[in-house]
Protein backbone atom coordinates (compact mmCIF):
# COMPACT_ATOMS: atom_id res chain seq x y z
CA MET A 1 34.93 -66.51 9.32
CA ASP A 2 31.70 -66.32 7.81
CA PHE A 3 28.05 -66.82 9.82
CA ASN A 4 28.56 -70.15 9.61
CA GLU A 5 32.33 -70.64 10.50
CA LYS A 6 31.79 -67.85 13.65
CA ILE A 7 27.98 -69.74 15.15
CA LEU A 8 29.19 -73.16 14.93
CA HIS A 9 32.80 -72.03 16.90
CA ALA A 10 30.73 -70.40 19.22
CA PHE A 11 28.31 -72.73 20.54
CA LYS A 12 31.00 -75.39 20.96
CA SER A 13 32.00 -73.61 23.27
CA ILE A 14 28.75 -74.78 25.08
CA ASP A 15 29.38 -78.20 24.18
CA ILE A 16 26.27 -77.61 21.26
CA LYS A 17 26.98 -79.09 17.64
CA LEU A 18 24.43 -77.15 15.21
CA ASN A 19 23.10 -79.10 12.30
CA GLU A 20 22.81 -76.95 9.03
CA ASN A 21 19.11 -76.44 8.99
CA GLU A 22 19.63 -74.43 12.81
CA VAL A 23 22.60 -72.74 11.77
CA GLN A 24 20.47 -71.61 8.23
CA SER A 25 17.52 -71.11 10.82
CA PHE A 26 19.55 -68.45 12.93
CA LYS A 27 21.44 -67.05 9.70
CA LYS A 28 17.04 -66.03 8.52
CA TYR A 29 16.56 -65.16 12.49
CA MET A 30 19.20 -62.64 12.68
CA ASP A 31 18.50 -61.15 9.08
CA LEU A 32 14.91 -60.14 9.75
CA LEU A 33 15.76 -58.91 13.53
CA LEU A 34 18.42 -56.57 11.58
CA GLU A 35 15.59 -55.69 9.20
CA TRP A 36 12.71 -54.67 12.02
CA ASN A 37 15.13 -53.24 14.17
CA THR A 38 15.27 -50.27 11.58
CA LYS A 39 11.73 -49.89 11.64
CA ILE A 40 11.13 -50.92 15.63
CA ASN A 41 13.43 -51.16 18.59
CA LEU A 42 14.34 -54.28 19.28
CA THR A 43 18.21 -54.65 19.74
CA ALA A 44 21.01 -51.82 20.34
CA ILE A 45 23.45 -55.39 19.53
CA THR A 46 23.53 -54.74 15.61
CA GLU A 47 27.12 -56.50 14.89
CA GLU A 48 27.07 -60.24 13.68
CA ASP A 49 29.62 -61.14 15.39
CA GLU A 50 27.71 -59.70 18.54
CA ILE A 51 24.31 -60.84 17.74
CA ILE A 52 25.94 -64.21 17.45
CA LEU A 53 27.79 -63.85 20.87
CA LYS A 54 25.14 -62.74 23.03
CA HIS A 55 21.86 -62.99 21.33
CA PHE A 56 22.24 -66.64 20.45
CA LEU A 57 25.03 -68.13 22.52
CA ASP A 58 24.02 -66.36 25.59
CA SER A 59 20.31 -67.63 24.80
CA CYS A 60 21.11 -71.69 24.53
CA THR A 61 23.21 -71.30 27.85
CA ILE A 62 20.06 -72.07 29.62
CA MET A 63 19.44 -75.54 27.21
CA LYS A 64 21.30 -78.19 30.01
CA TYR A 65 18.09 -76.75 32.35
CA ILE A 66 15.80 -78.04 29.36
CA LYS A 67 14.13 -81.38 28.99
CA SER A 68 12.49 -82.18 25.36
CA GLU A 69 8.73 -81.25 25.51
CA ASP A 70 8.66 -79.51 28.48
CA LYS A 71 6.44 -76.25 28.27
CA ILE A 72 7.91 -72.98 28.76
CA ILE A 73 7.37 -69.27 29.03
CA ASP A 74 9.65 -66.72 28.19
CA ILE A 75 8.33 -63.51 30.13
CA GLY A 76 9.16 -60.08 28.76
CA THR A 77 10.90 -62.30 25.45
CA GLY A 78 11.41 -58.56 24.00
CA ALA A 79 13.45 -60.15 20.38
CA GLY A 80 12.85 -62.86 21.59
CA PHE A 81 15.65 -63.65 23.73
CA PRO A 82 16.15 -66.58 25.09
CA GLY A 83 12.80 -68.35 23.56
CA ILE A 84 13.46 -68.58 19.92
CA PRO A 85 17.62 -69.80 20.12
CA LEU A 86 15.88 -72.65 22.39
CA LYS A 87 13.35 -73.39 20.23
CA ILE A 88 15.54 -73.64 17.19
CA ILE A 89 18.22 -75.86 18.94
CA ASN A 90 15.27 -78.13 20.36
CA PRO A 91 12.43 -78.65 18.08
CA ASP A 92 10.25 -80.90 20.40
CA ILE A 93 9.54 -77.90 23.50
CA HIS A 94 5.88 -75.87 23.53
CA ILE A 95 6.90 -72.35 24.03
CA THR A 96 4.90 -69.15 25.26
CA LEU A 97 6.61 -66.10 24.32
CA MET A 98 5.49 -63.38 26.08
CA ASP A 99 5.79 -59.33 25.79
CA SER A 100 4.03 -55.83 26.85
CA LEU A 101 4.63 -54.25 23.91
CA ASN A 102 2.39 -55.43 20.30
CA LYS A 103 5.02 -54.03 17.84
CA ARG A 104 7.40 -57.05 19.24
CA ILE A 105 4.66 -59.39 19.05
CA ASN A 106 4.29 -58.14 15.68
CA PHE A 107 8.74 -59.22 14.65
CA LEU A 108 8.68 -62.31 16.79
CA ASN A 109 4.96 -63.96 14.81
CA ASP A 110 7.08 -62.83 11.28
CA VAL A 111 9.46 -64.86 13.05
CA ILE A 112 7.87 -68.01 13.70
CA ASP A 113 6.04 -67.59 10.40
CA LYS A 114 9.32 -67.46 8.28
CA LEU A 115 11.80 -70.53 10.07
CA SER A 116 7.87 -72.03 10.52
CA LEU A 117 8.63 -73.12 14.11
CA LYS A 118 5.36 -74.93 15.46
CA ASN A 119 4.18 -74.92 18.94
CA ILE A 120 5.40 -71.95 20.07
CA ASP A 121 3.36 -68.74 20.55
CA ALA A 122 3.64 -64.98 20.71
CA VAL A 123 1.32 -63.91 23.79
CA HIS A 124 1.18 -59.79 24.18
CA SER A 125 0.46 -59.09 27.86
CA ARG A 126 2.04 -58.16 31.18
CA ALA A 127 3.69 -61.06 33.07
CA GLU A 128 1.03 -59.92 36.35
CA ASP A 129 -2.27 -59.73 34.00
CA LEU A 130 -1.60 -62.76 31.63
CA ALA A 131 -0.62 -65.19 35.76
CA ARG A 132 -3.91 -64.01 37.03
CA ASN A 133 -5.51 -66.15 33.70
CA GLU A 134 -6.38 -70.02 34.55
CA LYS A 135 -5.15 -70.52 30.91
CA PHE A 136 -1.10 -69.75 31.94
CA ARG A 137 -1.63 -69.74 36.27
CA GLU A 138 0.35 -72.66 37.41
CA LYS A 139 0.92 -74.71 34.37
CA TYR A 140 4.29 -74.49 33.25
CA ASP A 141 7.34 -76.51 33.52
CA ILE A 142 9.76 -73.54 33.16
CA ALA A 143 9.52 -69.74 33.17
CA VAL A 144 12.58 -68.60 31.71
CA SER A 145 13.80 -64.69 31.39
CA ARG A 146 16.64 -62.37 30.08
CA ALA A 147 17.39 -59.04 32.19
CA VAL A 148 14.04 -57.92 32.98
CA ALA A 149 14.27 -57.20 36.26
CA ASN A 150 15.34 -57.14 40.20
CA LEU A 151 15.48 -60.61 41.32
CA SER A 152 12.39 -59.85 43.47
CA THR A 153 10.37 -58.32 40.97
CA LEU A 154 11.11 -61.02 38.52
CA SER A 155 10.44 -63.86 40.76
CA GLU A 156 6.55 -62.43 41.06
CA TYR A 157 6.49 -61.74 37.57
CA MET A 158 7.80 -65.81 37.12
CA LEU A 159 6.71 -68.23 40.20
CA PRO A 160 2.86 -67.66 39.42
CA PHE A 161 3.30 -69.58 36.39
CA VAL A 162 4.90 -72.75 36.96
CA LYS A 163 3.79 -75.78 38.15
CA ILE A 164 5.28 -77.40 41.62
CA GLY A 165 7.76 -78.90 41.15
CA GLY A 166 8.90 -77.03 37.83
CA LYS A 167 11.12 -73.78 37.60
CA CYS A 168 12.12 -71.05 36.87
CA ILE A 169 15.04 -70.22 35.13
CA CYS A 170 16.58 -66.61 35.78
CA MET A 171 19.06 -64.97 33.63
CA LYS A 172 22.31 -62.71 35.15
CA GLY A 173 24.81 -60.92 34.32
CA PRO A 174 27.52 -60.15 37.07
CA ASN A 175 27.81 -59.00 40.43
CA ILE A 176 24.22 -60.43 41.70
CA ASP A 177 24.92 -60.90 45.97
CA GLY A 178 22.75 -58.72 46.76
CA GLU A 179 20.04 -58.87 44.54
CA VAL A 180 19.75 -62.39 45.49
CA GLU A 181 20.00 -62.16 49.27
CA ASN A 182 17.20 -59.00 48.66
CA ALA A 183 15.12 -61.45 46.68
CA LYS A 184 14.80 -64.38 49.30
CA GLY A 185 12.08 -63.08 51.49
CA ALA A 186 10.15 -62.70 48.35
CA ILE A 187 11.06 -65.77 47.14
CA SER A 188 10.06 -67.34 49.81
CA LYS A 189 6.80 -65.86 49.77
CA LEU A 190 6.12 -66.96 46.14
CA GLY A 191 6.55 -70.50 46.67
CA GLY A 192 10.07 -71.27 45.27
CA ARG A 193 12.99 -71.62 46.77
CA ILE A 194 17.15 -70.76 45.14
CA LYS A 195 18.11 -73.99 43.87
CA SER A 196 21.33 -73.12 42.43
CA ILE A 197 23.40 -70.47 40.81
CA ASP A 198 25.86 -71.07 38.05
CA ASN A 199 28.63 -68.38 37.34
CA PHE A 200 30.49 -68.71 34.64
CA LYS A 201 32.35 -66.11 30.88
CA LEU A 202 30.24 -66.04 27.83
CA GLY A 203 31.93 -68.08 25.19
CA ASN A 204 36.02 -67.23 25.05
CA THR A 205 35.37 -63.80 25.95
CA GLU A 206 34.87 -61.85 29.39
CA ASN A 207 32.02 -61.31 29.96
CA GLU A 208 30.37 -62.71 33.35
CA ARG A 209 26.59 -64.65 33.74
CA ASN A 210 24.88 -66.02 36.17
CA ILE A 211 22.17 -68.81 36.12
CA ILE A 212 19.96 -68.38 38.67
CA VAL A 213 17.46 -71.96 38.78
CA ILE A 214 14.27 -71.06 41.05
CA GLU A 215 12.57 -73.92 41.98
CA LYS A 216 8.76 -73.98 42.51
CA ILE A 217 7.89 -76.30 45.68
CA ALA A 218 4.15 -74.95 46.75
CA HIS A 219 1.48 -73.18 45.45
CA THR A 220 2.02 -69.56 44.84
CA ASN A 221 -1.15 -67.12 46.81
CA PRO A 222 -3.66 -66.16 44.38
CA LYS A 223 -3.21 -62.35 45.66
CA PHE A 224 0.28 -63.06 43.75
CA PRO A 225 1.21 -61.36 41.08
CA ARG A 226 -0.01 -58.13 42.64
CA LYS A 227 -1.48 -55.37 40.21
CA ALA A 228 0.66 -54.40 37.11
CA GLY A 229 3.47 -52.45 37.64
CA LEU A 230 3.21 -52.55 41.66
CA PRO A 231 5.84 -55.45 41.31
CA SER A 232 8.48 -53.26 40.03
CA LYS A 233 7.64 -50.03 42.51
CA GLU A 234 7.19 -52.03 45.01
CA PRO A 235 9.29 -54.99 45.17
CA LEU A 236 8.42 -58.15 47.70
CA LYS A 237 10.36 -58.71 50.65
């Protein structure tokens, strides 16, 4: 199978039918990812099949939680996952891609430009700093993050960005029971509560995934997030 057939087949497993323009955007994105990856470290996954499965398809497994025109922040986006795949298949969402490494932001801006994406910004910052900026604090319907940190730390990164009634979507691998239990106190302190946990296998593989949805039920205390570095060194309990 060529790239087009592979990606169409993969997305069929999550009931998403890509159009020709979306397929071409994903192909262009993959080519840019591989080109830039020779200059800066963006991904260890470089095989076409694996990029389709573990980057593109994986990113879009959260589409069912997202509505058109939602305002979303992707925290620790890295090479643009899940934010850019979500934007490709739902052009009406407004998205902020945030990463602490400027080289990655340069790459993301190149992708945004070459794919002609609208209502999407790449911001160079740490979550702890950006969440103190009034322009960003409690302004989003959804915060998303994929494989960034343990759930206690991640909650402190994410919840300050989300407005009351919004949600955090935390994308995780297998074996999360202990992590979830340890994070309940932190989530409560930050104004959230766990709404659901969705466990599934990715595509037609044995790769186990968990999506933890946290709803924002109260304002986050202004003292959170703590200063840069503390959430990861001393996770809230």
